[in-house]
Protein backbone atom coordinates (compact mmCIF):
# COMPACT_ATOMS: atom_id res chain seq x y z
CA MET A 1 64.00 121.12 106.32
CA ARG A 2 66.95 123.37 104.85
CA ARG A 3 67.29 127.10 104.68
CA PHE A 4 68.78 128.96 102.16
CA ASP A 5 68.93 133.02 102.26
CA PHE A 6 68.08 134.92 98.66
CA LYS A 7 69.53 138.51 99.99
CA ASP A 8 68.73 139.79 96.52
CA LYS A 9 65.18 139.09 96.51
CA ALA A 10 65.38 139.66 100.37
CA ILE A 11 63.70 135.92 100.89
CA THR A 12 64.68 133.29 103.34
CA LEU A 13 63.17 129.72 101.85
CA PHE A 14 62.82 126.67 104.36
CA ILE A 15 62.30 123.77 102.24
CA SER A 16 61.65 120.61 102.97
CA GLN A 17 63.91 117.95 101.09
CA GLU A 18 61.18 116.26 99.46
CA THR A 19 60.30 119.77 97.81
CA LEU A 20 63.87 120.50 97.06
CA ASN A 21 64.07 116.85 95.53
CA GLU A 22 61.20 117.37 92.61
CA PHE A 23 62.98 120.63 91.44
CA ASP A 24 66.32 118.87 90.69
CA CYS A 25 67.07 120.21 87.58
CA LYS A 26 70.11 118.80 86.23
CA ASP A 27 68.88 117.97 82.97
CA PHE A 28 68.13 121.42 81.83
CA CYS A 29 69.14 124.23 84.23
CA SER A 30 72.74 123.22 85.09
CA GLN A 31 73.37 126.68 86.37
CA MET A 32 70.86 126.56 89.03
CA THR A 33 70.69 124.45 92.29
CA PRO A 34 67.25 123.03 92.92
CA ALA A 35 66.55 125.81 95.40
CA GLU A 36 67.36 128.50 93.12
CA TYR A 37 65.16 126.85 90.56
CA PHE A 38 62.46 126.14 93.02
CA LEU A 39 62.79 130.24 94.09
CA GLU A 40 62.32 131.04 90.53
CA ALA A 41 59.50 128.76 89.05
CA GLU A 42 57.27 128.69 92.14
CA ILE A 43 58.00 131.64 94.70
CA ASP A 44 58.75 134.17 92.32
CA SER A 45 55.36 133.48 90.51
CA PHE A 46 53.58 133.08 93.58
CA LEU A 47 55.02 136.39 95.16
CA PHE A 48 55.08 138.47 92.29
CA ASP A 49 52.15 137.21 89.72
CA HIS A 50 49.22 135.94 92.01
CA LEU A 51 49.87 138.45 94.96
CA SER A 52 48.57 141.80 94.64
CA PRO A 53 51.68 144.34 94.67
CA GLU A 54 49.98 146.26 97.23
CA PHE A 55 50.31 143.38 99.69
CA LEU A 56 54.15 143.42 99.28
CA THR A 57 54.36 147.18 99.61
CA TYR A 58 52.54 146.80 103.02
CA ILE A 59 55.03 143.55 103.90
CA GLN A 60 58.10 145.72 102.76
CA ILE A 61 56.99 148.92 104.63
CA PHE A 62 55.84 146.82 107.82
CA ALA A 63 59.40 144.88 107.59
CA GLN A 64 60.93 148.38 107.34
CA LYS A 65 59.00 149.67 110.51
CA LYS A 66 59.70 146.73 112.50
CA LYS A 67 63.40 146.13 111.40
CA LEU A 68 63.05 142.71 110.37
CA PRO A 69 63.89 140.55 107.44
CA PRO A 70 60.89 140.71 104.89
CA ILE A 71 59.58 137.12 104.32
CA ALA A 72 60.27 133.83 105.25
CA ILE A 73 58.85 130.90 103.16
CA LEU A 74 58.12 127.58 104.42
CA ALA A 75 57.93 124.76 101.25
CA ALA A 76 56.68 121.47 101.76
CA HIS A 77 54.21 119.27 101.29
CA GLY A 78 51.49 119.25 103.73
CA GLY A 79 48.06 118.19 104.98
CA GLN A 80 45.53 118.03 108.12
CA LYS A 81 45.37 115.23 111.06
CA LYS A 82 42.37 115.78 113.38
CA ASP A 83 42.38 119.45 114.02
CA LYS A 84 46.00 119.90 113.02
CA TRP A 85 47.77 121.59 109.75
CA LEU A 86 50.99 119.49 108.74
CA PHE A 87 54.10 119.94 107.29
CA TRP A 88 56.20 116.95 106.19
CA ASP A 89 59.79 116.90 106.49
CA GLY A 90 61.12 113.68 105.53
CA ARG A 91 58.96 111.29 107.83
CA LYS A 92 58.36 114.01 110.30
CA GLU A 93 55.05 115.47 110.52
CA ILE A 94 55.30 118.87 111.86
CA ASP A 95 52.84 121.31 113.14
CA VAL A 96 53.04 124.38 111.26
CA GLN A 97 51.83 126.18 114.15
CA LYS A 98 55.06 125.15 115.93
CA TRP A 99 56.71 126.42 112.92
CA LEU A 100 55.31 129.64 112.70
CA ASP A 101 56.02 129.90 117.10
CA ALA A 102 59.59 129.47 116.67
CA LEU A 103 59.91 132.41 113.72
CA ASP A 104 57.18 134.49 114.88
CA GLY A 105 59.08 137.80 115.04
CA LYS A 106 62.05 137.02 113.87
CA PHE A 107 60.83 137.85 109.96
CA ALA A 108 57.94 140.48 108.91
CA CYS A 109 56.14 138.34 107.37
CA LEU A 110 55.70 134.39 106.99
CA ALA A 111 54.25 132.89 104.22
CA CYS A 112 53.35 129.42 104.17
CA TYR A 113 53.58 127.85 100.69
CA VAL A 114 52.10 124.65 102.11
CA CYS A 115 48.43 122.88 100.98
CA ASN A 116 46.13 123.66 103.37
CA PRO A 117 42.68 121.50 102.38
CA LYS A 118 40.46 122.60 105.36
CA ALA A 119 42.07 126.00 105.42
CA ALA A 120 42.89 125.68 109.07
CA ILE A 121 43.60 128.75 111.30
CA VAL A 122 46.78 129.79 112.80
CA HIS A 123 48.34 132.66 114.10
CA THR A 124 51.09 134.81 115.36
CA ARG A 125 51.72 137.42 117.60
CA TYR A 126 54.52 139.76 115.89
CA SER A 127 54.48 138.81 112.12
CA LEU A 128 52.26 138.86 109.08
CA LEU A 129 51.07 135.52 107.63
CA LEU A 130 50.57 135.23 104.19
CA LEU A 131 48.38 131.63 104.51
CA PRO A 132 46.66 130.06 101.83
CA ASP A 133 43.07 128.70 101.60
CA GLY A 134 43.64 125.25 100.23
CA GLU A 135 45.67 123.32 97.79
CA VAL A 136 49.15 125.26 97.03
CA SER A 137 50.82 125.16 93.57
CA ASP A 138 51.17 127.54 90.60
CA GLY A 139 48.65 125.51 88.68
CA CYS A 140 45.95 126.20 91.56
CA MET A 141 46.84 129.89 91.62
CA MET A 142 46.45 130.12 87.86
CA MET A 143 43.13 128.23 87.72
CA ASP A 144 42.15 130.41 90.82
CA LYS A 145 41.36 127.54 93.26
CA CYS A 146 43.90 128.98 95.40
CA HIS A 147 43.97 132.27 97.44
CA PHE A 148 46.32 133.70 100.10
CA SER A 149 45.13 135.42 103.10
CA LEU A 150 47.27 138.33 104.32
CA ILE A 151 46.67 138.46 108.28
CA HIS A 152 48.01 141.23 110.78
CA PRO A 153 48.91 139.91 113.71
CA TRP A 154 46.75 142.68 115.75
CA ARG A 155 44.24 144.01 113.25
CA GLY A 156 43.29 140.68 111.75
CA GLU A 157 43.10 139.84 107.97
CA ILE A 158 44.13 142.60 105.27
CA ASP A 159 42.13 142.17 102.00
CA ARG A 160 42.28 143.92 98.60
CA TYR A 161 39.68 146.09 98.92
CA THR A 162 41.33 147.48 102.32
CA ILE A 163 44.78 147.34 101.42
CA ASN A 164 45.77 150.84 100.18
CA TYR A 165 43.85 151.91 103.57
CA GLU A 166 46.08 149.69 105.67
CA ILE A 167 49.14 150.70 103.79
CA GLU A 168 48.54 154.65 104.93
CA HIS A 169 47.48 153.69 108.36
CA LEU A 170 50.95 151.30 108.51
CA LYS A 171 53.09 154.55 107.36
CA GLN A 172 51.77 156.99 110.18
CA ILE A 173 52.89 154.51 112.71
CA LYS A 174 55.85 155.74 114.01
CA ARG A 175 57.18 151.70 114.76
């Protein structure tokens, strides 16, 4: 697992070596590292094209209130064994919940860019979650086959219908 901090975008990316290798673009983008290319090709599209701008606003306000870095993204191949949602880093199978537990409260939002074929349920105590409900790829999102849910640790899922109310509610909270 590699970590990249993109301060200009306020994003910390945790990416498996396999996923990073898939975005090795020496042939056509020699000015970018594989992590920069992944961020531009996949994550920018995910955050800025497929998510509602209000979700990003909510995450930013939550980050300011909690005085936390805004977003940490886990990018890896994933699946399920028995009832556990796993991601792969090399030959290691790692429980997504354990990754979330390790970073809970250190970032305002923990986003899982990891396939979740059986829509496994995970949770946090302090950080927002941005979770997929199935396969994850730019193509799946463009075909509307994958959706991401924004989940508040104690208020539950925040949807498009209530996001504006939730933003106003969050603004009223002192901390």
